[in-house]
Amino acid sequence: MLKKQKNISLSNLFRDHPYKEEIIYLSKIDKDLKDLFLKYPKFRAFRRPRGFEGLIRLITEQQLSVASARAVFLRIKRLMPIFSPKEFLKIKNSDLKKTGLSGPKINYCKILANEISSGKLSFRSLHKLSDDALKKRLCEIKGIGEWTAECYMLASLGRKDIWPVKDLGLQAALKEVKNLDLRPNEIEMSEMANSWKPYRSIVANVLWTSHD
């Protein structure tokens, strides 16, 4: 399949792809990425909702498998007629625990809901910030670290140059793509991705697809 694909023009193969220009650019500077794009031409973009719902889902996904996190999140969603900070704060901790959400994550989610309800966090203002400023602001909220903030920018806001170096799936995928003996650490992840700027989010998406 891959040999046949190599004979196909990237411009033709990705003619209708929303990231056509980015894919062609990345393929020119990294042969391994070119092979990866040819192997997964219909790679999926990691998507999450904007705002409160998106962040709650990402907090739920911290250190859990995709399937487990999705099951927990759907149970949380069934507890609310409208997915909002106000409705979330009405839910008893005992009911949230029944969804599979851990005690610390219940605390983190309620801290986030209070930040929004009190007006301390405005998504309208947040979304206008630069990548660095937005990450810094989100990381000020207990329970939101670099991975969650970066995945929010990538999956919820669609920003094109986000590279979550702490993501174990990305580390494992890059190990395979680059034929490394060990999974790259965070510093190595950053160094290896320097040449992919300003489109590292696109690389992350195709790597995640290859690892699924």
N, C-alpha and C. Protein backbone atom coordinates (compact mmCIF):
# COMPACT_ATOMS: atom_id res chain seq x y z
N MET A 1 0.83 -1.21 0.00
CA MET A 1 0.00 0.00 0.00
C MET A 1 0.87 1.26 0.00
N LEU A 2 1.91 1.26 0.88
CA LEU A 2 2.76 2.44 1.01
C LEU A 2 3.54 2.68 -0.27
N LYS A 3 4.03 1.57 -0.94
CA LYS A 3 4.77 1.74 -2.17
C LYS A 3 3.92 2.38 -3.25
N LYS A 4 2.67 1.98 -3.33
CA LYS A 4 1.76 2.56 -4.32
C LYS A 4 1.53 4.03 -4.02
N GLN A 5 1.36 4.36 -2.72
CA GLN A 5 1.09 5.72 -2.33
C GLN A 5 2.25 6.64 -2.66
N LYS A 6 3.51 6.12 -2.61
CA LYS A 6 4.68 6.96 -2.85
C LYS A 6 4.70 7.51 -4.26
N ASN A 7 4.04 6.78 -5.18
CA ASN A 7 4.01 7.22 -6.56
C ASN A 7 2.92 8.27 -6.81
N ILE A 8 2.14 8.54 -5.80
CA ILE A 8 1.06 9.52 -5.92
C ILE A 8 1.56 10.88 -5.46
N SER A 9 1.24 11.90 -6.21
CA SER A 9 1.63 13.25 -5.83
C SER A 9 0.95 13.65 -4.53
N LEU A 10 1.73 14.21 -3.61
CA LEU A 10 1.15 14.67 -2.35
C LEU A 10 0.07 15.71 -2.60
N SER A 11 0.30 16.55 -3.59
CA SER A 11 -0.69 17.60 -3.91
C SER A 11 -2.01 16.99 -4.32
N ASN A 12 -1.96 15.88 -5.06
CA ASN A 12 -3.19 15.21 -5.49
C ASN A 12 -3.82 14.43 -4.35
N LEU A 13 -2.98 13.72 -3.59
CA LEU A 13 -3.49 12.89 -2.50
C LEU A 13 -4.20 13.73 -1.44
N PHE A 14 -3.64 14.90 -1.15
CA PHE A 14 -4.20 15.75 -0.10
C PHE A 14 -4.90 16.98 -0.68
N ARG A 15 -5.36 16.85 -1.91
CA ARG A 15 -5.99 17.97 -2.63
C ARG A 15 -7.09 18.65 -1.83
N ASP A 16 -7.93 17.85 -1.16
CA ASP A 16 -9.07 18.40 -0.43
C ASP A 16 -8.86 18.41 1.09
N HIS A 17 -7.64 18.12 1.51
CA HIS A 17 -7.36 18.07 2.95
C HIS A 17 -7.23 19.48 3.51
N PRO A 18 -7.83 19.75 4.69
CA PRO A 18 -7.73 21.10 5.27
C PRO A 18 -6.31 21.52 5.61
N TYR A 19 -5.40 20.54 5.77
CA TYR A 19 -4.01 20.85 6.11
C TYR A 19 -3.07 20.56 4.94
N LYS A 20 -3.55 20.69 3.72
CA LYS A 20 -2.75 20.35 2.54
C LYS A 20 -1.40 21.07 2.53
N GLU A 21 -1.40 22.38 2.69
CA GLU A 21 -0.16 23.15 2.61
C GLU A 21 0.81 22.75 3.73
N GLU A 22 0.29 22.53 4.92
CA GLU A 22 1.13 22.15 6.05
C GLU A 22 1.75 20.77 5.83
N ILE A 23 0.95 19.84 5.30
CA ILE A 23 1.42 18.48 5.05
C ILE A 23 2.55 18.49 4.02
N ILE A 24 2.38 19.24 2.95
CA ILE A 24 3.41 19.32 1.91
C ILE A 24 4.69 19.95 2.47
N TYR A 25 4.54 20.99 3.27
CA TYR A 25 5.70 21.64 3.89
C TYR A 25 6.46 20.66 4.79
N LEU A 26 5.73 19.97 5.66
CA LEU A 26 6.35 19.03 6.59
C LEU A 26 7.00 17.85 5.87
N SER A 27 6.37 17.40 4.79
CA SER A 27 6.90 16.28 4.03
C SER A 27 8.22 16.61 3.34
N LYS A 28 8.39 17.86 2.98
CA LYS A 28 9.61 18.30 2.31
C LYS A 28 10.80 18.35 3.27
N ILE A 29 10.53 18.60 4.54
CA ILE A 29 11.64 18.76 5.49
C ILE A 29 11.91 17.50 6.32
N ASP A 30 11.01 16.49 6.22
CA ASP A 30 11.21 15.27 7.01
C ASP A 30 10.65 14.08 6.25
N LYS A 31 11.54 13.22 5.76
CA LYS A 31 11.13 12.06 4.98
C LYS A 31 10.25 11.10 5.79
N ASP A 32 10.57 10.96 7.07
CA ASP A 32 9.77 10.06 7.93
C ASP A 32 8.34 10.55 8.04
N LEU A 33 8.16 11.86 8.11
CA LEU A 33 6.81 12.41 8.17
C LEU A 33 6.09 12.21 6.83
N LYS A 34 6.83 12.36 5.74
CA LYS A 34 6.22 12.12 4.43
C LYS A 34 5.68 10.71 4.34
N ASP A 35 6.49 9.74 4.77
CA ASP A 35 6.04 8.34 4.76
C ASP A 35 4.82 8.15 5.65
N LEU A 36 4.81 8.86 6.78
CA LEU A 36 3.69 8.73 7.72
C LEU A 36 2.41 9.31 7.12
N PHE A 37 2.51 10.46 6.48
CA PHE A 37 1.33 11.07 5.85
C PHE A 37 0.80 10.19 4.72
N LEU A 38 1.71 9.56 3.98
CA LEU A 38 1.30 8.67 2.89
C LEU A 38 0.62 7.41 3.44
N LYS A 39 1.10 6.96 4.58
CA LYS A 39 0.51 5.76 5.19
C LYS A 39 -0.84 6.05 5.83
N TYR A 40 -1.00 7.27 6.37
CA TYR A 40 -2.26 7.65 7.04
C TYR A 40 -2.82 8.94 6.43
N PRO A 41 -3.21 8.90 5.15
CA PRO A 41 -3.70 10.12 4.49
C PRO A 41 -5.00 10.66 5.09
N LYS A 42 -5.73 9.79 5.78
CA LYS A 42 -6.99 10.21 6.40
C LYS A 42 -6.85 10.29 7.91
N PHE A 43 -5.67 10.72 8.36
CA PHE A 43 -5.44 10.82 9.81
C PHE A 43 -6.46 11.76 10.44
N ARG A 44 -6.81 11.43 11.67
CA ARG A 44 -7.85 12.18 12.37
C ARG A 44 -7.24 13.33 13.18
N ALA A 45 -7.96 14.41 13.23
CA ALA A 45 -7.56 15.53 14.08
C ALA A 45 -8.16 15.32 15.46
N PHE A 46 -7.36 15.48 16.50
CA PHE A 46 -7.81 15.36 17.89
C PHE A 46 -8.71 16.56 18.18
N ARG A 47 -9.96 16.32 18.51
CA ARG A 47 -10.93 17.40 18.73
C ARG A 47 -11.61 17.26 20.09
N ARG A 48 -11.76 18.39 20.76
CA ARG A 48 -12.53 18.48 21.99
C ARG A 48 -13.31 19.80 21.95
N PRO A 49 -14.45 19.88 22.67
CA PRO A 49 -15.22 21.13 22.66
C PRO A 49 -14.44 22.29 23.28
N ARG A 50 -14.83 23.48 22.94
CA ARG A 50 -14.25 24.67 23.57
C ARG A 50 -14.88 24.88 24.94
N GLY A 51 -14.18 25.61 25.77
CA GLY A 51 -14.75 26.05 27.04
C GLY A 51 -14.75 25.00 28.13
N PHE A 52 -15.71 25.15 29.04
CA PHE A 52 -15.79 24.32 30.24
C PHE A 52 -15.85 22.83 29.92
N GLU A 53 -16.71 22.46 28.98
CA GLU A 53 -16.88 21.04 28.66
C GLU A 53 -15.57 20.43 28.15
N GLY A 54 -14.87 21.16 27.31
CA GLY A 54 -13.61 20.65 26.78
C GLY A 54 -12.57 20.43 27.85
N LEU A 55 -12.45 21.38 28.77
CA LEU A 55 -11.47 21.25 29.85
C LEU A 55 -11.84 20.13 30.82
N ILE A 56 -13.12 19.98 31.12
CA ILE A 56 -13.55 18.89 32.00
C ILE A 56 -13.22 17.54 31.35
N ARG A 57 -13.45 17.45 30.07
CA ARG A 57 -13.15 16.18 29.39
C ARG A 57 -11.64 15.90 29.42
N LEU A 58 -10.83 16.92 29.23
CA LEU A 58 -9.38 16.72 29.25
C LEU A 58 -8.88 16.37 30.66
N ILE A 59 -9.47 16.98 31.67
CA ILE A 59 -9.10 16.62 33.04
C ILE A 59 -9.47 15.16 33.30
N THR A 60 -10.64 14.76 32.81
CA THR A 60 -11.07 13.37 32.95
C THR A 60 -10.07 12.42 32.28
N GLU A 61 -9.50 12.86 31.17
CA GLU A 61 -8.61 12.00 30.38
C GLU A 61 -7.19 11.89 30.94
N GLN A 62 -6.87 12.71 31.91
CA GLN A 62 -5.52 12.66 32.47
C GLN A 62 -5.21 11.26 33.01
N GLN A 63 -4.14 10.66 32.49
CA GLN A 63 -3.64 9.36 32.97
C GLN A 63 -4.65 8.22 32.87
N LEU A 64 -5.58 8.33 31.93
CA LEU A 64 -6.53 7.25 31.67
C LEU A 64 -6.49 6.88 30.20
N SER A 65 -6.89 5.66 29.88
CA SER A 65 -6.99 5.27 28.48
C SER A 65 -8.14 6.05 27.85
N VAL A 66 -8.11 6.16 26.53
CA VAL A 66 -9.15 6.90 25.81
C VAL A 66 -10.53 6.32 26.09
N ALA A 67 -10.63 5.00 26.05
CA ALA A 67 -11.92 4.33 26.25
C ALA A 67 -12.45 4.55 27.67
N SER A 68 -11.59 4.39 28.66
CA SER A 68 -12.02 4.57 30.05
C SER A 68 -12.45 6.00 30.32
N ALA A 69 -11.67 6.96 29.82
CA ALA A 69 -11.99 8.37 30.03
C ALA A 69 -13.31 8.74 29.37
N ARG A 70 -13.53 8.21 28.19
CA ARG A 70 -14.77 8.51 27.48
C ARG A 70 -15.98 7.99 28.25
N ALA A 71 -15.86 6.80 28.81
CA ALA A 71 -16.96 6.22 29.59
C ALA A 71 -17.27 7.07 30.82
N VAL A 72 -16.22 7.50 31.51
CA VAL A 72 -16.40 8.35 32.69
C VAL A 72 -17.06 9.67 32.30
N PHE A 73 -16.56 10.28 31.23
CA PHE A 73 -17.09 11.58 30.81
C PHE A 73 -18.56 11.48 30.43
N LEU A 74 -18.95 10.43 29.73
CA LEU A 74 -20.35 10.28 29.33
C LEU A 74 -21.27 10.13 30.55
N ARG A 75 -20.77 9.47 31.58
CA ARG A 75 -21.56 9.34 32.82
C ARG A 75 -21.71 10.70 33.49
N ILE A 76 -20.65 11.50 33.46
CA ILE A 76 -20.73 12.86 34.04
C ILE A 76 -21.76 13.68 33.26
N LYS A 77 -21.71 13.57 31.96
CA LYS A 77 -22.60 14.36 31.11
C LYS A 77 -24.07 14.03 31.36
N ARG A 78 -24.34 12.77 31.69
CA ARG A 78 -25.74 12.37 31.94
C ARG A 78 -26.30 12.99 33.22
N LEU A 79 -25.42 13.47 34.09
CA LEU A 79 -25.87 14.06 35.36
C LEU A 79 -26.32 15.51 35.21
N MET A 80 -26.11 16.10 34.02
CA MET A 80 -26.43 17.51 33.85
C MET A 80 -27.36 17.75 32.67
N PRO A 81 -28.43 18.50 32.84
CA PRO A 81 -29.31 18.83 31.71
C PRO A 81 -28.58 19.76 30.73
N ILE A 82 -27.75 20.65 31.28
CA ILE A 82 -26.92 21.55 30.48
C ILE A 82 -25.51 21.45 31.04
N PHE A 83 -24.54 21.30 30.15
CA PHE A 83 -23.16 21.15 30.61
C PHE A 83 -22.59 22.55 30.89
N SER A 84 -22.63 22.93 32.14
CA SER A 84 -22.18 24.27 32.52
C SER A 84 -21.56 24.22 33.91
N PRO A 85 -20.72 25.20 34.25
CA PRO A 85 -20.14 25.24 35.60
C PRO A 85 -21.19 25.25 36.69
N LYS A 86 -22.25 26.02 36.46
CA LYS A 86 -23.33 26.14 37.45
C LYS A 86 -23.97 24.79 37.73
N GLU A 87 -24.27 24.04 36.67
CA GLU A 87 -24.90 22.73 36.83
C GLU A 87 -23.92 21.73 37.45
N PHE A 88 -22.66 21.84 37.08
CA PHE A 88 -21.66 20.92 37.61
C PHE A 88 -21.53 21.08 39.13
N LEU A 89 -21.54 22.31 39.59
CA LEU A 89 -21.38 22.58 41.02
C LEU A 89 -22.56 22.07 41.85
N LYS A 90 -23.69 21.79 41.20
CA LYS A 90 -24.87 21.27 41.91
C LYS A 90 -24.76 19.76 42.18
N ILE A 91 -23.87 19.10 41.48
CA ILE A 91 -23.76 17.64 41.60
C ILE A 91 -23.01 17.26 42.88
N LYS A 92 -23.55 16.33 43.60
CA LYS A 92 -22.89 15.85 44.83
C LYS A 92 -21.61 15.08 44.48
N ASN A 93 -20.63 15.22 45.34
CA ASN A 93 -19.38 14.47 45.14
C ASN A 93 -19.61 12.97 45.07
N SER A 94 -20.56 12.50 45.89
CA SER A 94 -20.84 11.06 45.91
C SER A 94 -21.36 10.59 44.55
N ASP A 95 -22.14 11.44 43.88
CA ASP A 95 -22.65 11.08 42.55
C ASP A 95 -21.54 11.14 41.50
N LEU A 96 -20.64 12.10 41.65
CA LEU A 96 -19.51 12.19 40.72
C LEU A 96 -18.57 10.99 40.87
N LYS A 97 -18.41 10.53 42.09
CA LYS A 97 -17.55 9.36 42.31
C LYS A 97 -18.11 8.13 41.63
N LYS A 98 -19.44 8.04 41.56
CA LYS A 98 -20.07 6.89 40.90
C LYS A 98 -19.78 6.85 39.41
N THR A 99 -19.43 7.99 38.83
CA THR A 99 -19.11 8.02 37.40
C THR A 99 -17.73 7.43 37.13
N GLY A 100 -16.92 7.29 38.19
CA GLY A 100 -15.56 6.82 38.02
C GLY A 100 -14.54 7.93 38.11
N LEU A 101 -15.02 9.16 38.31
CA LEU A 101 -14.11 10.30 38.45
C LEU A 101 -13.45 10.23 39.83
N SER A 102 -12.14 10.31 39.87
CA SER A 102 -11.41 10.18 41.13
C SER A 102 -11.63 11.40 42.04
N GLY A 103 -11.34 11.22 43.32
CA GLY A 103 -11.49 12.32 44.27
C GLY A 103 -10.71 13.56 43.89
N PRO A 104 -9.41 13.44 43.57
CA PRO A 104 -8.65 14.63 43.17
C PRO A 104 -9.22 15.30 41.93
N LYS A 105 -9.67 14.51 40.96
CA LYS A 105 -10.22 15.11 39.74
C LYS A 105 -11.56 15.81 40.00
N ILE A 106 -12.34 15.28 40.93
CA ILE A 106 -13.58 15.96 41.32
C ILE A 106 -13.23 17.34 41.86
N ASN A 107 -12.21 17.39 42.70
CA ASN A 107 -11.75 18.65 43.27
C ASN A 107 -11.27 19.61 42.18
N TYR A 108 -10.48 19.11 41.24
CA TYR A 108 -9.98 19.96 40.15
C TYR A 108 -11.11 20.52 39.30
N CYS A 109 -12.08 19.67 39.00
CA CYS A 109 -13.20 20.10 38.16
C CYS A 109 -14.05 21.17 38.86
N LYS A 110 -14.21 21.01 40.18
CA LYS A 110 -14.99 21.99 40.93
C LYS A 110 -14.23 23.31 41.08
N ILE A 111 -12.92 23.23 41.22
CA ILE A 111 -12.11 24.45 41.25
C ILE A 111 -12.27 25.20 39.93
N LEU A 112 -12.20 24.47 38.82
CA LEU A 112 -12.37 25.09 37.51
C LEU A 112 -13.77 25.70 37.38
N ALA A 113 -14.79 24.96 37.80
CA ALA A 113 -16.17 25.47 37.72
C ALA A 113 -16.33 26.75 38.53
N ASN A 114 -15.71 26.81 39.69
CA ASN A 114 -15.78 28.01 40.54
C ASN A 114 -15.03 29.18 39.91
N GLU A 115 -13.90 28.90 39.28
CA GLU A 115 -13.13 29.96 38.60
C GLU A 115 -13.98 30.64 37.53
N ILE A 116 -14.72 29.82 36.78
CA ILE A 116 -15.55 30.35 35.70
C ILE A 116 -16.78 31.05 36.26
N SER A 117 -17.45 30.41 37.22
CA SER A 117 -18.67 30.99 37.80
C SER A 117 -18.41 32.32 38.49
N SER A 118 -17.23 32.45 39.10
CA SER A 118 -16.89 33.68 39.82
C SER A 118 -16.42 34.80 38.88
N GLY A 119 -16.17 34.43 37.63
CA GLY A 119 -15.69 35.42 36.68
C GLY A 119 -14.18 35.56 36.63
N LYS A 120 -13.48 34.77 37.43
CA LYS A 120 -12.01 34.85 37.42
C LYS A 120 -11.44 34.35 36.10
N LEU A 121 -12.13 33.39 35.49
CA LEU A 121 -11.69 32.87 34.20
C LEU A 121 -12.75 33.17 33.15
N SER A 122 -12.36 33.93 32.15
CA SER A 122 -13.25 34.26 31.03
C SER A 122 -12.68 33.60 29.77
N PHE A 123 -13.46 32.72 29.16
CA PHE A 123 -12.97 32.07 27.95
C PHE A 123 -12.83 33.06 26.80
N ARG A 124 -13.67 34.07 26.78
CA ARG A 124 -13.55 35.08 25.72
C ARG A 124 -12.19 35.75 25.78
N SER A 125 -11.77 36.11 26.98
CA SER A 125 -10.45 36.73 27.15
C SER A 125 -9.32 35.71 26.97
N LEU A 126 -9.53 34.52 27.52
CA LEU A 126 -8.52 33.47 27.46
C LEU A 126 -8.14 33.13 26.02
N HIS A 127 -9.15 33.02 25.17
CA HIS A 127 -8.91 32.57 23.80
C HIS A 127 -8.20 33.62 22.95
N LYS A 128 -8.09 34.84 23.44
CA LYS A 128 -7.38 35.89 22.71
C LYS A 128 -5.88 35.90 23.02
N LEU A 129 -5.48 35.14 24.04
CA LEU A 129 -4.08 35.14 24.47
C LEU A 129 -3.19 34.36 23.51
N SER A 130 -1.90 34.67 23.54
CA SER A 130 -0.92 33.90 22.78
C SER A 130 -0.81 32.50 23.38
N ASP A 131 -0.17 31.60 22.66
CA ASP A 131 -0.02 30.23 23.15
C ASP A 131 0.64 30.20 24.52
N ASP A 132 1.75 30.90 24.66
CA ASP A 132 2.48 30.87 25.94
C ASP A 132 1.66 31.47 27.07
N ALA A 133 1.00 32.60 26.80
CA ALA A 133 0.21 33.27 27.84
C ALA A 133 -1.02 32.43 28.21
N LEU A 134 -1.62 31.80 27.23
CA LEU A 134 -2.80 30.97 27.49
C LEU A 134 -2.42 29.76 28.34
N LYS A 135 -1.32 29.13 27.99
CA LYS A 135 -0.87 27.97 28.78
C LYS A 135 -0.56 28.38 30.22
N LYS A 136 0.12 29.51 30.36
CA LYS A 136 0.46 29.99 31.70
C LYS A 136 -0.80 30.25 32.53
N ARG A 137 -1.81 30.87 31.92
CA ARG A 137 -3.05 31.17 32.65
C ARG A 137 -3.77 29.90 33.07
N LEU A 138 -3.89 28.94 32.17
CA LEU A 138 -4.59 27.70 32.52
C LEU A 138 -3.83 26.92 33.59
N CYS A 139 -2.52 26.95 33.54
CA CYS A 139 -1.71 26.20 34.52
C CYS A 139 -1.74 26.83 35.91
N GLU A 140 -2.30 28.02 36.00
CA GLU A 140 -2.49 28.64 37.32
C GLU A 140 -3.64 27.99 38.08
N ILE A 141 -4.48 27.26 37.36
CA ILE A 141 -5.64 26.60 37.96
C ILE A 141 -5.24 25.20 38.41
N LYS A 142 -5.47 24.91 39.68
CA LYS A 142 -5.08 23.61 40.23
C LYS A 142 -5.72 22.47 39.44
N GLY A 143 -4.89 21.50 39.08
CA GLY A 143 -5.41 20.35 38.34
C GLY A 143 -5.20 20.46 36.85
N ILE A 144 -4.81 21.65 36.38
CA ILE A 144 -4.51 21.82 34.96
C ILE A 144 -3.02 22.03 34.81
N GLY A 145 -2.36 21.04 34.20
CA GLY A 145 -0.93 21.14 33.95
C GLY A 145 -0.66 21.42 32.49
N GLU A 146 0.60 21.30 32.12
CA GLU A 146 1.00 21.61 30.76
C GLU A 146 0.29 20.74 29.73
N TRP A 147 0.18 19.43 30.01
CA TRP A 147 -0.46 18.52 29.04
C TRP A 147 -1.90 18.95 28.77
N THR A 148 -2.66 19.22 29.83
CA THR A 148 -4.07 19.60 29.68
C THR A 148 -4.19 20.92 28.94
N ALA A 149 -3.36 21.89 29.31
CA ALA A 149 -3.41 23.21 28.66
C ALA A 149 -3.05 23.10 27.18
N GLU A 150 -2.02 22.34 26.88
CA GLU A 150 -1.58 22.19 25.50
C GLU A 150 -2.62 21.45 24.66
N CYS A 151 -3.19 20.39 25.24
CA CYS A 151 -4.22 19.65 24.50
C CYS A 151 -5.46 20.50 24.28
N TYR A 152 -5.76 21.40 25.21
CA TYR A 152 -6.89 22.31 25.02
C TYR A 152 -6.62 23.22 23.83
N MET A 153 -5.42 23.77 23.75
CA MET A 153 -5.08 24.65 22.63
C MET A 153 -5.11 23.90 21.30
N LEU A 154 -4.63 22.66 21.32
CA LEU A 154 -4.57 21.87 20.10
C LEU A 154 -5.94 21.36 19.69
N ALA A 155 -6.63 20.71 20.63
CA ALA A 155 -7.88 20.00 20.29
C ALA A 155 -9.12 20.87 20.35
N SER A 156 -9.14 21.86 21.22
CA SER A 156 -10.34 22.70 21.37
C SER A 156 -10.25 23.98 20.55
N LEU A 157 -9.04 24.53 20.46
CA LEU A 157 -8.87 25.81 19.75
C LEU A 157 -8.26 25.65 18.37
N GLY A 158 -7.76 24.47 18.06
CA GLY A 158 -7.21 24.22 16.73
C GLY A 158 -5.94 25.00 16.42
N ARG A 159 -5.17 25.33 17.44
CA ARG A 159 -3.92 26.05 17.19
C ARG A 159 -2.89 25.09 16.57
N LYS A 160 -2.15 25.60 15.59
CA LYS A 160 -1.37 24.72 14.72
C LYS A 160 0.03 24.36 15.20
N ASP A 161 0.54 25.04 16.21
CA ASP A 161 1.92 24.76 16.60
C ASP A 161 2.04 24.35 18.07
N ILE A 162 1.23 23.37 18.46
CA ILE A 162 1.24 22.86 19.83
C ILE A 162 1.87 21.48 19.84
N TRP A 163 2.76 21.25 20.79
CA TRP A 163 3.51 20.00 20.83
C TRP A 163 3.58 19.50 22.28
N PRO A 164 2.63 18.65 22.70
CA PRO A 164 2.57 18.16 24.09
C PRO A 164 3.66 17.12 24.39
N VAL A 165 4.82 17.58 24.78
CA VAL A 165 5.97 16.68 24.96
C VAL A 165 5.78 15.65 26.07
N LYS A 166 4.85 15.90 26.98
CA LYS A 166 4.61 14.97 28.08
C LYS A 166 3.70 13.80 27.69
N ASP A 167 3.12 13.85 26.49
CA ASP A 167 2.16 12.84 26.08
C ASP A 167 2.87 11.51 25.76
N LEU A 168 2.52 10.48 26.50
CA LEU A 168 3.18 9.18 26.34
C LEU A 168 2.90 8.55 24.99
N GLY A 169 1.70 8.80 24.47
CA GLY A 169 1.35 8.27 23.15
C GLY A 169 2.21 8.86 22.06
N LEU A 170 2.46 10.16 22.14
CA LEU A 170 3.33 10.82 21.16
C LEU A 170 4.76 10.32 21.28
N GLN A 171 5.21 10.15 22.50
CA GLN A 171 6.57 9.64 22.71
C GLN A 171 6.73 8.25 22.09
N ALA A 172 5.74 7.39 22.33
CA ALA A 172 5.79 6.03 21.79
C ALA A 172 5.71 6.02 20.27
N ALA A 173 4.86 6.86 19.71
CA ALA A 173 4.71 6.94 18.26
C ALA A 173 5.99 7.44 17.60
N LEU A 174 6.62 8.43 18.21
CA LEU A 174 7.84 8.99 17.65
C LEU A 174 8.99 7.99 17.73
N LYS A 175 8.99 7.19 18.77
CA LYS A 175 10.00 6.12 18.90
C LYS A 175 9.93 5.18 17.70
N GLU A 176 8.71 4.82 17.32
CA GLU A 176 8.52 3.91 16.19
C GLU A 176 8.87 4.58 14.87
N VAL A 177 8.39 5.79 14.68
CA VAL A 177 8.60 6.50 13.41
C VAL A 177 10.09 6.76 13.15
N LYS A 178 10.81 7.09 14.21
CA LYS A 178 12.23 7.42 14.07
C LYS A 178 13.15 6.22 14.37
N ASN A 179 12.55 5.05 14.60
CA ASN A 179 13.33 3.83 14.88
C ASN A 179 14.32 4.02 16.03
N LEU A 180 13.82 4.57 17.13
CA LEU A 180 14.67 4.80 18.30
C LEU A 180 14.67 3.58 19.21
N ASP A 181 15.72 3.43 19.97
CA ASP A 181 15.79 2.31 20.92
C ASP A 181 14.88 2.53 22.12
N LEU A 182 14.77 3.77 22.54
CA LEU A 182 13.95 4.13 23.69
C LEU A 182 12.99 5.25 23.34
N ARG A 183 11.94 5.37 24.15
CA ARG A 183 11.04 6.49 23.98
C ARG A 183 11.79 7.79 24.25
N PRO A 184 11.64 8.81 23.42
CA PRO A 184 12.34 10.07 23.67
C PRO A 184 11.80 10.76 24.92
N ASN A 185 12.68 11.41 25.66
CA ASN A 185 12.23 12.16 26.83
C ASN A 185 11.71 13.53 26.39
N GLU A 186 11.27 14.34 27.33
CA GLU A 186 10.65 15.61 26.98
C GLU A 186 11.61 16.57 26.26
N ILE A 187 12.86 16.58 26.71
CA ILE A 187 13.85 17.46 26.06
C ILE A 187 14.10 16.99 24.63
N GLU A 188 14.24 15.68 24.46
CA GLU A 188 14.46 15.13 23.11
C GLU A 188 13.25 15.36 22.22
N MET A 189 12.05 15.26 22.80
CA MET A 189 10.83 15.54 22.04
C MET A 189 10.85 16.96 21.50
N SER A 190 11.22 17.89 22.34
CA SER A 190 11.26 19.31 21.93
C SER A 190 12.30 19.53 20.83
N GLU A 191 13.47 18.94 21.01
CA GLU A 191 14.56 19.12 20.04
C GLU A 191 14.20 18.50 18.68
N MET A 192 13.60 17.32 18.71
CA MET A 192 13.25 16.64 17.46
C MET A 192 12.18 17.38 16.68
N ALA A 193 11.36 18.13 17.38
CA ALA A 193 10.23 18.81 16.73
C ALA A 193 10.55 20.24 16.29
N ASN A 194 11.75 20.72 16.56
CA ASN A 194 12.09 22.10 16.22
C ASN A 194 11.88 22.41 14.74
N SER A 195 12.27 21.49 13.88
CA SER A 195 12.16 21.75 12.44
C SER A 195 10.73 21.70 11.93
N TRP A 196 9.81 21.20 12.76
CA TRP A 196 8.41 21.09 12.34
C TRP A 196 7.60 22.34 12.63
N LYS A 197 8.20 23.29 13.32
CA LYS A 197 7.50 24.55 13.57
C LYS A 197 7.23 25.24 12.24
N PRO A 198 6.13 25.92 12.06
CA PRO A 198 5.06 26.21 13.03
C PRO A 198 3.84 25.29 12.91
N TYR A 199 4.08 24.00 12.57
CA TYR A 199 2.94 23.10 12.34
C TYR A 199 3.03 21.82 13.18
N ARG A 200 3.50 21.94 14.39
CA ARG A 200 3.69 20.74 15.21
C ARG A 200 2.39 20.06 15.60
N SER A 201 1.29 20.79 15.63
CA SER A 201 -0.01 20.16 15.95
C SER A 201 -0.40 19.14 14.89
N ILE A 202 -0.10 19.45 13.63
CA ILE A 202 -0.43 18.52 12.55
C ILE A 202 0.38 17.24 12.70
N VAL A 203 1.65 17.38 13.10
CA VAL A 203 2.49 16.20 13.34
C VAL A 203 1.93 15.38 14.50
N ALA A 204 1.52 16.06 15.56
CA ALA A 204 0.94 15.36 16.71
C ALA A 204 -0.28 14.55 16.29
N ASN A 205 -1.13 15.13 15.46
CA ASN A 205 -2.34 14.43 15.03
C ASN A 205 -2.04 13.17 14.24
N VAL A 206 -1.09 13.25 13.30
CA VAL A 206 -0.80 12.06 12.49
C VAL A 206 -0.06 11.01 13.33
N LEU A 207 0.75 11.44 14.28
CA LEU A 207 1.43 10.49 15.17
C LEU A 207 0.42 9.77 16.06
N TRP A 208 -0.54 10.51 16.60
CA TRP A 208 -1.57 9.87 17.43
C TRP A 208 -2.34 8.82 16.63
N THR A 209 -2.66 9.18 15.38
CA THR A 209 -3.38 8.23 14.52
C THR A 209 -2.55 6.97 14.31
N SER A 210 -1.25 7.12 14.09
CA SER A 210 -0.38 5.95 13.85
C SER A 210 -0.25 5.08 15.09
N HIS A 211 -0.47 5.67 16.25
CA HIS A 211 -0.28 4.94 17.51
C HIS A 211 -1.57 4.27 17.99
N ASP A 212 -2.71 4.69 17.48
CA ASP A 212 -4.00 4.14 17.92
C ASP A 212 -4.14 2.67 17.54
